[in-house]
Amino acid sequence: MDIDQSDTNFLLTRFSVLIIIYAFSLQILPNSKLPIAVFLLGMSSSLYKTKAFSWIVKKFIQKDINSDRQDLINAVQSFQMYKDRALGWNKRKYGNLKRISYDDYIQAKKIGYYDHLTKTDKAIESNAQLANAIAKQTIQNYGITDLEIRSAVYKDNSRVIESLCHFARDWTSMGDVELKPLFDYILNNLNKTIPGKEERSKTVVLVPGSGLGRIAHELSLLTPKFDAVHTIEFSYLMHLCNEFVYSKTQSSESYKIHPFIHTYSHHVSEENQLRSVEFKTQPTKPQNLTTNYGDFRKFQIPNLDKYDNVVIVTAFFIDTAQNLFEYFDSIERLIGEKSGTWINIGPLKYGTAPKVEFSLEELRKLRKLRGWKDLDEPKPYGSEISGYLTDTKGLWQGYYGLGRWTSSFTSKKK
């Protein structure tokens, strides 16, 4: 365990003070156990306030906690820490003003930069209302104790920020421009491959890497309805946000989100950076929709025997694979001896330490080699583009060319 220097200084200071108190108390009450009790209580209280306490809890008290539970606890504390971490980041911007000359500082203040920083603080506090609400709901739903929270391992704010910004992308009008090409392609091909009421009543749809679940939500509302739609999300941060979307069963609750405040780069104006969008929880959750946390490579389809068709929908997902062959194996395993359809749309921005990094052309050859039959693969490749949490009013706008295909698969075991 790495001991934080601030923890060391804090404990040494407390220890020194408590030793003095103990020695003084011992002179007054030489035969009493009270001085040592006060000393031990004081040291215990001091240790509880340090980061080292969480390590002790994990190591000796909750050493048998399973990894999924630990990931859940980590996610909850990450949401709770969002405000302090984000305000701390912005506080460093204030600190930077002390490193310029007084004349430069006066000019920066006159053009409104200091006020800009202050408004960003308020926007962070607004976002924190949503982050704290997610944490509170999760603690209640999963019965998380204070002691478990103290065992959390917190890393950085980037994943929390990404999850919060996904509310704007997936569940507000701000994200329509990014989601429309995804919806258009997926729905068009579903309507062509499995159009009928009877077929859909015997079809299960799986959405691995579902994020905040908007695509799965829309699929569950299609008419005629699919019997079941399952999200499968490996990030607890994303999964808990998805669950929060349906947190109100009778009425909607709204939150104001500022998705572009976490960087000062590439902004045209203060107004654009600080602009907000309103997110509302869904009053009802579709009856045929189930949200699942976990690794889709280990997922088992509930009530598989009742289905004739298995549909896999992957959007902005396949390039997350460390080993693309594992994704193919898992998709084919999920289909099993059923009739399978795979609809994919997304870029090929491979992530951390991928073992293979196939081009779209190589992926097409691989599908053919493994027995997939392409029903649709629009050309030219990458001609359809979409952003991903892109600030359309900023000076830098990133867009991805989308690889698209719809393929069918029938197991050779049939």
Protein backbone atom coordinates (compact mmCIF):
# COMPACT_ATOMS: atom_id res chain seq x y z
CA MET A 1 0.00 0.00 0.00
CA ASP A 2 1.28 3.48 -0.88
CA ILE A 3 0.92 5.83 2.11
CA ASP A 4 -0.28 9.28 1.17
CA GLN A 5 2.13 11.96 2.47
CA SER A 6 -0.74 14.11 3.72
CA ASP A 7 -2.05 11.11 5.70
CA THR A 8 1.39 10.59 7.25
CA ASN A 9 1.70 14.23 8.30
CA PHE A 10 -1.84 14.25 9.67
CA LEU A 11 -1.31 11.08 11.74
CA LEU A 12 2.05 12.24 13.10
CA THR A 13 0.53 15.54 14.19
CA ARG A 14 -2.43 13.83 15.85
CA PHE A 15 -0.16 11.26 17.50
CA SER A 16 2.05 14.00 18.95
CA VAL A 17 -0.93 15.93 20.33
CA LEU A 18 -2.54 12.80 21.79
CA ILE A 19 0.72 11.70 23.45
CA ILE A 20 0.93 15.08 25.19
CA ILE A 21 -2.71 14.79 26.29
CA TYR A 22 -2.09 11.22 27.48
CA ALA A 23 0.98 12.18 29.49
CA PHE A 24 -0.80 15.14 31.09
CA SER A 25 -3.90 13.02 31.92
CA LEU A 26 -1.72 10.30 33.44
CA GLN A 27 -0.29 12.82 35.90
CA ILE A 28 -3.78 13.78 37.03
CA LEU A 29 -5.32 10.26 36.94
CA PRO A 30 -2.38 7.89 37.51
CA ASN A 31 -4.50 4.83 38.32
CA SER A 32 -7.24 5.38 35.74
CA LYS A 33 -7.74 3.68 32.38
CA LEU A 34 -9.30 6.86 31.00
CA PRO A 35 -6.04 8.37 29.59
CA ILE A 36 -5.26 5.30 27.47
CA ALA A 37 -8.92 5.05 26.39
CA VAL A 38 -8.86 8.68 25.24
CA PHE A 39 -5.58 8.10 23.41
CA LEU A 40 -6.85 5.00 21.57
CA LEU A 41 -10.15 6.66 20.72
CA GLY A 42 -8.34 9.71 19.37
CA MET A 43 -5.99 7.63 17.21
CA SER A 44 -8.89 5.53 15.90
CA SER A 45 -10.81 8.67 15.00
CA SER A 46 -7.73 10.09 13.27
CA LEU A 47 -7.13 6.91 11.28
CA TYR A 48 -10.78 6.84 10.18
CA LYS A 49 -10.31 10.22 8.50
CA THR A 50 -7.39 9.04 6.35
CA LYS A 51 -7.27 7.29 3.00
CA ALA A 52 -5.41 4.43 4.69
CA PHE A 53 -8.61 3.46 6.51
CA SER A 54 -10.22 2.25 3.28
CA TRP A 55 -7.24 -0.03 2.67
CA ILE A 56 -7.52 -1.47 6.19
CA VAL A 57 -11.24 -2.14 5.71
CA LYS A 58 -10.61 -3.92 2.42
CA LYS A 59 -7.61 -5.87 3.70
CA PHE A 60 -8.86 -7.07 7.06
CA ILE A 61 -12.60 -6.47 7.43
CA GLN A 62 -14.13 -6.95 3.98
CA LYS A 63 -11.44 -9.09 2.39
CA ASP A 64 -14.05 -11.57 1.12
CA ILE A 65 -16.10 -8.98 -0.77
CA ASN A 66 -16.57 -10.05 -4.39
CA SER A 67 -15.21 -7.99 -7.24
CA ASP A 68 -18.65 -7.01 -8.61
CA ARG A 69 -19.69 -5.65 -5.21
CA GLN A 70 -16.41 -3.75 -4.95
CA ASP A 71 -16.93 -2.27 -8.43
CA LEU A 72 -20.41 -1.17 -7.36
CA ILE A 73 -19.06 0.49 -4.21
CA ASN A 74 -16.29 2.19 -6.18
CA ALA A 75 -18.86 3.57 -8.62
CA VAL A 76 -21.03 4.98 -5.84
CA GLN A 77 -18.12 6.76 -4.18
CA SER A 78 -16.98 8.07 -7.57
CA PHE A 79 -20.35 9.77 -8.01
CA GLN A 80 -20.15 11.14 -4.46
CA MET A 81 -16.66 12.51 -5.12
CA TYR A 82 -17.56 14.20 -8.43
CA LYS A 83 -18.28 17.60 -6.91
CA ASP A 84 -15.15 17.85 -4.75
CA ARG A 85 -12.91 16.57 -7.54
CA ALA A 86 -14.39 18.85 -10.18
CA LEU A 87 -14.29 21.90 -7.91
CA GLY A 88 -10.71 21.03 -7.01
CA TRP A 89 -9.82 20.92 -10.70
CA ASN A 90 -11.43 24.31 -11.24
CA LYS A 91 -9.77 25.71 -8.12
CA ARG A 92 -6.44 25.16 -9.81
CA LYS A 93 -7.59 27.56 -12.54
CA TYR A 94 -8.02 30.22 -9.86
CA GLY A 95 -4.55 29.33 -8.60
CA ASN A 96 -3.09 29.89 -12.06
CA LEU A 97 -4.15 33.53 -11.84
CA LYS A 98 -1.64 33.95 -9.00
CA ARG A 99 1.15 33.02 -11.38
CA ILE A 100 0.63 35.98 -13.68
CA SER A 101 1.48 39.62 -13.01
CA TYR A 102 -0.95 41.88 -11.18
CA ASP A 103 -1.55 43.92 -14.35
CA ASP A 104 -2.34 40.74 -16.29
CA TYR A 105 -4.67 39.61 -13.51
CA ILE A 106 -6.59 42.92 -13.62
CA GLN A 107 -7.04 42.56 -17.40
CA ALA A 108 -8.24 38.97 -17.04
CA LYS A 109 -10.75 40.08 -14.43
CA LYS A 110 -11.97 43.01 -16.53
CA ILE A 111 -12.81 40.76 -19.49
CA GLY A 112 -14.82 38.49 -17.17
CA TYR A 113 -12.49 35.51 -16.85
CA TYR A 114 -12.70 35.42 -13.03
CA ASP A 115 -16.50 35.51 -13.22
CA HIS A 116 -16.28 32.74 -15.82
CA LEU A 117 -14.47 30.52 -13.32
CA THR A 118 -17.08 31.31 -10.67
CA LYS A 119 -19.92 30.37 -13.00
CA THR A 120 -18.16 27.09 -13.78
CA ASP A 121 -18.17 26.30 -10.06
CA LYS A 122 -21.94 26.79 -10.02
CA ALA A 123 -22.35 24.58 -13.10
CA ILE A 124 -20.32 21.84 -11.39
CA GLU A 125 -22.62 22.09 -8.36
CA SER A 126 -25.59 21.72 -10.70
CA ASN A 127 -24.12 18.56 -12.24
CA ALA A 128 -23.37 17.27 -8.75
CA GLN A 129 -27.08 17.23 -7.92
CA LEU A 130 -27.50 14.49 -10.51
CA ALA A 131 -24.34 12.62 -9.44
CA ASN A 132 -25.42 12.66 -5.79
CA ALA A 133 -28.95 11.54 -6.67
CA ILE A 134 -27.55 8.53 -8.54
CA ALA A 135 -25.33 7.65 -5.56
CA LYS A 136 -28.20 8.02 -3.09
CA GLN A 137 -30.53 5.82 -5.12
CA THR A 138 -27.86 3.16 -5.56
CA ILE A 139 -27.08 3.05 -1.84
CA GLN A 140 -30.77 2.50 -1.11
CA ASN A 141 -31.36 -0.05 -3.87
CA TYR A 142 -28.27 -2.16 -3.13
CA GLY A 143 -28.15 -1.77 0.65
CA ILE A 144 -24.64 -0.29 0.69
CA THR A 145 -23.31 0.49 4.16
CA ASP A 146 -21.13 3.38 5.32
CA LEU A 147 -18.36 0.90 6.06
CA GLU A 148 -18.50 -0.39 2.49
CA ILE A 149 -18.25 3.16 1.17
CA ARG A 150 -15.10 3.61 3.25
CA SER A 151 -13.59 0.59 1.44
CA ALA A 152 -14.01 2.22 -1.98
CA VAL A 153 -11.07 2.65 -4.31
CA TYR A 154 -11.36 5.94 -6.14
CA LYS A 155 -9.29 6.74 -9.21
CA ASP A 156 -10.20 9.83 -11.25
CA ASN A 157 -13.16 11.86 -12.38
CA SER A 158 -12.95 11.22 -16.13
CA ARG A 159 -15.28 8.20 -16.20
CA VAL A 160 -17.82 9.94 -13.97
CA ILE A 161 -17.78 12.96 -16.27
CA GLU A 162 -18.25 10.74 -19.32
CA SER A 163 -21.20 8.98 -17.67
CA LEU A 164 -22.90 12.24 -16.67
CA CYS A 165 -22.39 13.68 -20.15
CA HIS A 166 -24.08 10.61 -21.60
CA PHE A 167 -27.35 11.81 -20.09
CA ALA A 168 -27.12 14.78 -22.46
CA ARG A 169 -26.18 12.53 -25.40
CA ASP A 170 -28.68 9.73 -24.82
CA TRP A 171 -31.63 11.37 -23.12
CA THR A 172 -31.91 14.98 -24.31
CA SER A 173 -32.41 16.73 -27.62
CA MET A 174 -28.73 17.70 -27.61
CA GLY A 175 -27.82 14.14 -28.56
CA ASP A 176 -30.32 13.75 -31.40
CA VAL A 177 -27.78 14.66 -34.07
CA GLU A 178 -25.43 11.90 -32.86
CA LEU A 179 -28.02 9.21 -32.31
CA LYS A 180 -30.10 9.69 -35.48
CA PRO A 181 -27.73 7.84 -37.86
CA LEU A 182 -27.55 4.99 -35.35
CA PHE A 183 -31.30 4.73 -34.94
CA ASP A 184 -31.94 5.04 -38.68
CA TYR A 185 -29.61 2.19 -39.59
CA ILE A 186 -30.62 -0.17 -36.78
CA LEU A 187 -34.37 0.33 -37.11
CA ASN A 188 -34.32 0.16 -40.91
CA ASN A 189 -32.55 -3.21 -40.86
CA LEU A 190 -34.65 -4.63 -38.05
CA ASN A 191 -37.79 -3.77 -39.98
CA LYS A 192 -36.37 -5.56 -43.02
CA THR A 193 -35.07 -8.69 -41.30
CA ILE A 194 -37.67 -9.32 -38.57
CA PRO A 195 -40.77 -7.31 -39.50
CA GLY A 196 -43.71 -9.47 -38.40
CA LYS A 197 -45.61 -9.63 -35.12
CA GLU A 198 -45.29 -13.40 -34.79
CA GLU A 199 -41.55 -13.34 -35.52
CA ARG A 200 -40.91 -10.58 -32.99
CA SER A 201 -42.90 -12.39 -30.31
CA LYS A 202 -40.28 -15.15 -30.57
CA THR A 203 -37.26 -12.82 -30.72
CA VAL A 204 -34.89 -11.63 -28.01
CA VAL A 205 -32.70 -8.56 -28.63
CA LEU A 206 -29.37 -8.05 -26.87
CA VAL A 207 -27.49 -4.74 -26.72
CA PRO A 208 -23.93 -5.27 -25.37
CA GLY A 209 -22.07 -2.13 -24.28
CA SER A 210 -25.43 -0.42 -23.92
CA GLY A 211 -24.22 2.64 -22.01
CA LEU A 212 -27.19 4.61 -20.70
CA GLY A 213 -29.56 2.40 -22.66
CA ARG A 214 -31.27 4.75 -25.11
CA ILE A 215 -30.90 2.40 -28.10
CA ALA A 216 -32.28 -0.54 -26.13
CA HIS A 217 -35.11 1.67 -24.88
CA GLU A 218 -36.14 2.60 -28.42
CA LEU A 219 -35.92 -1.03 -29.56
CA SER A 220 -38.22 -2.10 -26.74
CA LEU A 221 -40.85 0.42 -27.91
CA LEU A 222 -40.95 -0.75 -31.53
CA THR A 223 -44.23 -1.98 -32.97
CA PRO A 224 -44.72 -4.89 -33.29
CA LYS A 225 -42.89 -5.50 -30.01
CA PHE A 226 -39.98 -7.83 -29.42
CA ASP A 227 -40.63 -10.29 -26.62
CA ALA A 228 -37.55 -9.17 -24.69
CA VAL A 229 -34.78 -6.58 -24.97
CA HIS A 230 -31.69 -6.85 -22.74
CA THR A 231 -29.01 -4.26 -22.07
CA ILE A 232 -25.61 -5.63 -21.02
CA GLU A 233 -23.22 -3.03 -19.62
CA PHE A 234 -19.81 -3.73 -18.09
CA SER A 235 -19.28 -0.28 -16.54
CA TYR A 236 -21.09 0.11 -13.23
CA LEU A 237 -21.03 3.88 -13.69
CA MET A 238 -22.97 3.59 -16.95
CA HIS A 239 -25.24 0.84 -15.66
CA LEU A 240 -26.24 2.82 -12.56
CA CYS A 241 -26.96 5.86 -14.73
CA ASN A 242 -29.15 3.66 -16.93
CA GLU A 243 -31.03 2.41 -13.87
CA PHE A 244 -31.48 6.00 -12.70
CA VAL A 245 -33.23 6.86 -15.97
CA TYR A 246 -36.13 4.77 -14.68
CA SER A 247 -35.88 5.88 -11.05
CA LYS A 248 -39.34 7.44 -10.97
CA THR A 249 -42.28 5.15 -11.64
CA GLN A 250 -45.09 7.69 -11.38
CA SER A 251 -43.70 10.99 -12.64
CA SER A 252 -40.56 12.43 -14.17
CA GLU A 253 -37.88 14.33 -12.29
CA SER A 254 -35.63 16.80 -14.09
CA TYR A 255 -31.96 17.71 -13.74
CA LYS A 256 -29.89 20.39 -15.41
CA ILE A 257 -26.70 19.08 -17.03
CA HIS A 258 -23.73 21.17 -18.20
CA PRO A 259 -21.86 18.72 -20.46
CA PHE A 260 -19.07 21.01 -21.72
CA ILE A 261 -17.71 22.60 -18.55
CA HIS A 262 -14.91 20.12 -17.87
CA THR A 263 -12.40 21.75 -20.18
CA TYR A 264 -11.64 25.34 -21.11
CA SER A 265 -10.22 24.38 -24.50
CA HIS A 266 -11.88 24.95 -27.89
CA HIS A 267 -14.73 27.16 -26.67
CA VAL A 268 -16.05 30.07 -28.73
CA SER A 269 -17.63 31.79 -25.75
CA GLU A 270 -18.33 31.46 -22.07
CA GLU A 271 -22.02 31.05 -22.91
CA ASN A 272 -21.35 28.03 -25.10
CA GLN A 273 -19.16 26.34 -22.53
CA LEU A 274 -21.67 26.86 -19.72
CA ARG A 275 -24.82 26.03 -21.67
CA SER A 276 -27.04 23.40 -20.11
CA VAL A 277 -29.66 20.92 -21.17
CA GLU A 278 -32.49 19.40 -19.15
CA PHE A 279 -32.63 15.66 -18.51
CA LYS A 280 -35.87 14.08 -17.33
CA THR A 281 -36.20 10.62 -15.85
CA GLN A 282 -38.59 8.27 -17.62
CA PRO A 283 -41.98 7.86 -15.91
CA THR A 284 -42.15 4.20 -16.91
CA LYS A 285 -39.80 1.43 -17.98
CA PRO A 286 -40.93 -0.70 -20.94
CA GLN A 287 -42.14 -4.07 -19.68
CA ASN A 288 -40.05 -6.02 -22.19
CA LEU A 289 -36.81 -4.21 -21.27
CA THR A 290 -34.28 -5.58 -18.76
CA THR A 291 -31.08 -3.76 -17.77
CA ASN A 292 -28.17 -6.06 -16.90
CA TYR A 293 -24.76 -5.35 -15.41
CA GLY A 294 -21.92 -7.61 -16.47
CA ASP A 295 -19.57 -8.87 -19.15
CA PHE A 296 -21.57 -9.87 -22.23
CA ARG A 297 -19.01 -12.62 -22.88
CA LYS A 298 -20.45 -14.39 -19.81
CA PHE A 299 -24.09 -13.45 -20.35
CA GLN A 300 -26.75 -16.14 -20.48
CA ILE A 301 -30.07 -15.39 -22.20
CA PRO A 302 -32.98 -15.99 -19.80
CA ASN A 303 -35.67 -18.37 -21.10
CA LEU A 304 -33.69 -19.05 -24.26
CA ASP A 305 -35.87 -22.04 -25.22
CA LYS A 306 -38.87 -19.80 -25.94
CA TYR A 307 -37.07 -17.90 -28.73
CA ASP A 308 -36.52 -18.72 -32.39
CA ASN A 309 -34.45 -15.59 -33.12
CA VAL A 310 -31.58 -13.84 -31.36
CA VAL A 311 -30.68 -10.30 -32.44
CA ILE A 312 -27.39 -8.71 -31.36
CA VAL A 313 -27.14 -4.92 -31.75
CA THR A 314 -23.69 -3.38 -31.26
CA ALA A 315 -23.28 0.40 -31.46
CA PHE A 316 -19.93 2.09 -30.74
CA PHE A 317 -18.88 -1.19 -29.13
CA ILE A 318 -16.80 -3.70 -31.11
CA ASP A 319 -13.63 -1.59 -30.98
CA THR A 320 -13.64 -1.96 -27.17
CA ALA A 321 -12.48 -5.57 -27.58
CA GLN A 322 -9.06 -6.55 -26.35
CA ASN A 323 -9.51 -9.67 -28.47
CA LEU A 324 -12.06 -9.37 -31.27
CA PHE A 325 -12.18 -13.15 -31.64
CA GLU A 326 -13.67 -13.35 -28.13
CA TYR A 327 -16.47 -11.00 -29.22
CA PHE A 328 -17.21 -13.15 -32.26
CA ASP A 329 -17.14 -16.30 -30.13
CA SER A 330 -19.50 -14.76 -27.57
CA ILE A 331 -21.98 -13.48 -30.14
CA GLU A 332 -22.08 -16.87 -31.84
CA ARG A 333 -22.45 -18.61 -28.45
CA LEU A 334 -25.40 -16.39 -27.55
CA ILE A 335 -27.09 -17.23 -30.83
CA GLY A 336 -26.42 -20.93 -30.30
CA GLU A 337 -28.70 -23.05 -32.45
CA LYS A 338 -31.19 -20.22 -33.01
CA SER A 339 -31.46 -17.98 -36.05
CA GLY A 340 -29.15 -15.04 -35.44
CA THR A 341 -28.91 -11.48 -36.71
CA TRP A 342 -26.07 -9.08 -35.92
CA ILE A 343 -26.49 -5.36 -36.57
CA ASN A 344 -23.39 -3.26 -36.02
CA ILE A 345 -22.73 0.44 -36.34
CA GLY A 346 -19.76 2.35 -35.03
CA PRO A 347 -16.12 3.34 -35.55
CA LEU A 348 -12.96 1.29 -35.21
CA LYS A 349 -11.12 3.28 -32.57
CA TYR A 350 -9.42 0.40 -30.83
CA GLY A 351 -8.87 0.76 -27.10
CA THR A 352 -6.26 -0.41 -24.62
CA ALA A 353 -3.81 -3.12 -25.71
CA PRO A 354 -5.90 -4.78 -28.45
CA LYS A 355 -4.48 -8.10 -29.64
CA VAL A 356 -5.81 -7.59 -33.16
CA GLU A 357 -6.93 -4.38 -34.92
CA PHE A 358 -8.86 -5.39 -38.02
CA SER A 359 -9.96 -3.05 -40.78
CA LEU A 360 -13.57 -3.11 -42.00
CA GLU A 361 -12.41 -5.14 -45.00
CA GLU A 362 -10.74 -7.70 -42.73
CA LEU A 363 -13.83 -7.87 -40.51
CA ARG A 364 -15.96 -8.65 -43.57
CA LYS A 365 -13.58 -11.45 -44.55
CA LEU A 366 -13.66 -12.78 -40.99
CA ARG A 367 -17.48 -12.86 -40.95
CA LYS A 368 -17.50 -14.79 -44.21
CA LEU A 369 -14.86 -17.20 -42.93
CA ARG A 370 -16.89 -17.92 -39.80
CA GLY A 371 -20.15 -18.53 -41.65
CA TRP A 372 -21.88 -15.17 -41.43
CA LYS A 373 -23.93 -13.97 -44.39
CA ASP A 374 -23.98 -10.21 -44.92
CA LEU A 375 -27.45 -8.85 -45.63
CA ASP A 376 -26.40 -5.22 -45.73
CA GLU A 377 -23.09 -3.34 -45.66
CA PRO A 378 -23.50 0.16 -47.09
CA LYS A 379 -20.79 1.57 -49.28
CA PRO A 380 -18.65 3.56 -49.47
CA TYR A 381 -17.39 2.45 -46.08
CA GLY A 382 -17.40 5.18 -43.46
CA SER A 383 -19.51 7.52 -45.57
CA GLU A 384 -21.96 7.98 -42.68
CA ILE A 385 -20.40 9.97 -39.84
CA SER A 386 -21.39 10.74 -36.28
CA GLY A 387 -19.96 12.55 -33.30
CA TYR A 388 -19.51 11.18 -29.79
CA LEU A 389 -20.14 13.70 -27.02
CA THR A 390 -19.10 16.35 -29.55
CA ASP A 391 -19.53 20.05 -28.82
CA THR A 392 -21.11 21.21 -32.06
CA LYS A 393 -20.55 24.85 -31.06
CA GLY A 394 -16.87 24.43 -30.24
CA LEU A 395 -13.70 25.04 -32.23
CA TRP A 396 -12.79 21.34 -32.22
CA GLN A 397 -15.35 18.80 -33.35
CA GLY A 398 -14.52 15.11 -33.65
CA TYR A 399 -16.53 12.82 -35.92
CA TYR A 400 -16.29 9.13 -36.67
CA GLY A 401 -16.91 7.34 -39.90
CA LEU A 402 -19.28 4.51 -39.08
CA GLY A 403 -18.68 0.92 -40.04
CA ARG A 404 -22.08 -0.68 -40.67
CA TRP A 405 -23.27 -4.19 -41.36
CA THR A 406 -26.26 -6.45 -40.88
CA SER A 407 -25.41 -10.15 -41.00
CA SER A 408 -27.22 -13.43 -40.38
CA PHE A 409 -25.84 -16.54 -38.76
CA THR A 410 -27.11 -20.07 -38.45
CA SER A 411 -25.18 -22.54 -36.34
CA LYS A 412 -23.72 -25.51 -38.23
CA LYS A 413 -25.07 -27.70 -35.41
CA LYS A 414 -28.60 -27.28 -36.75
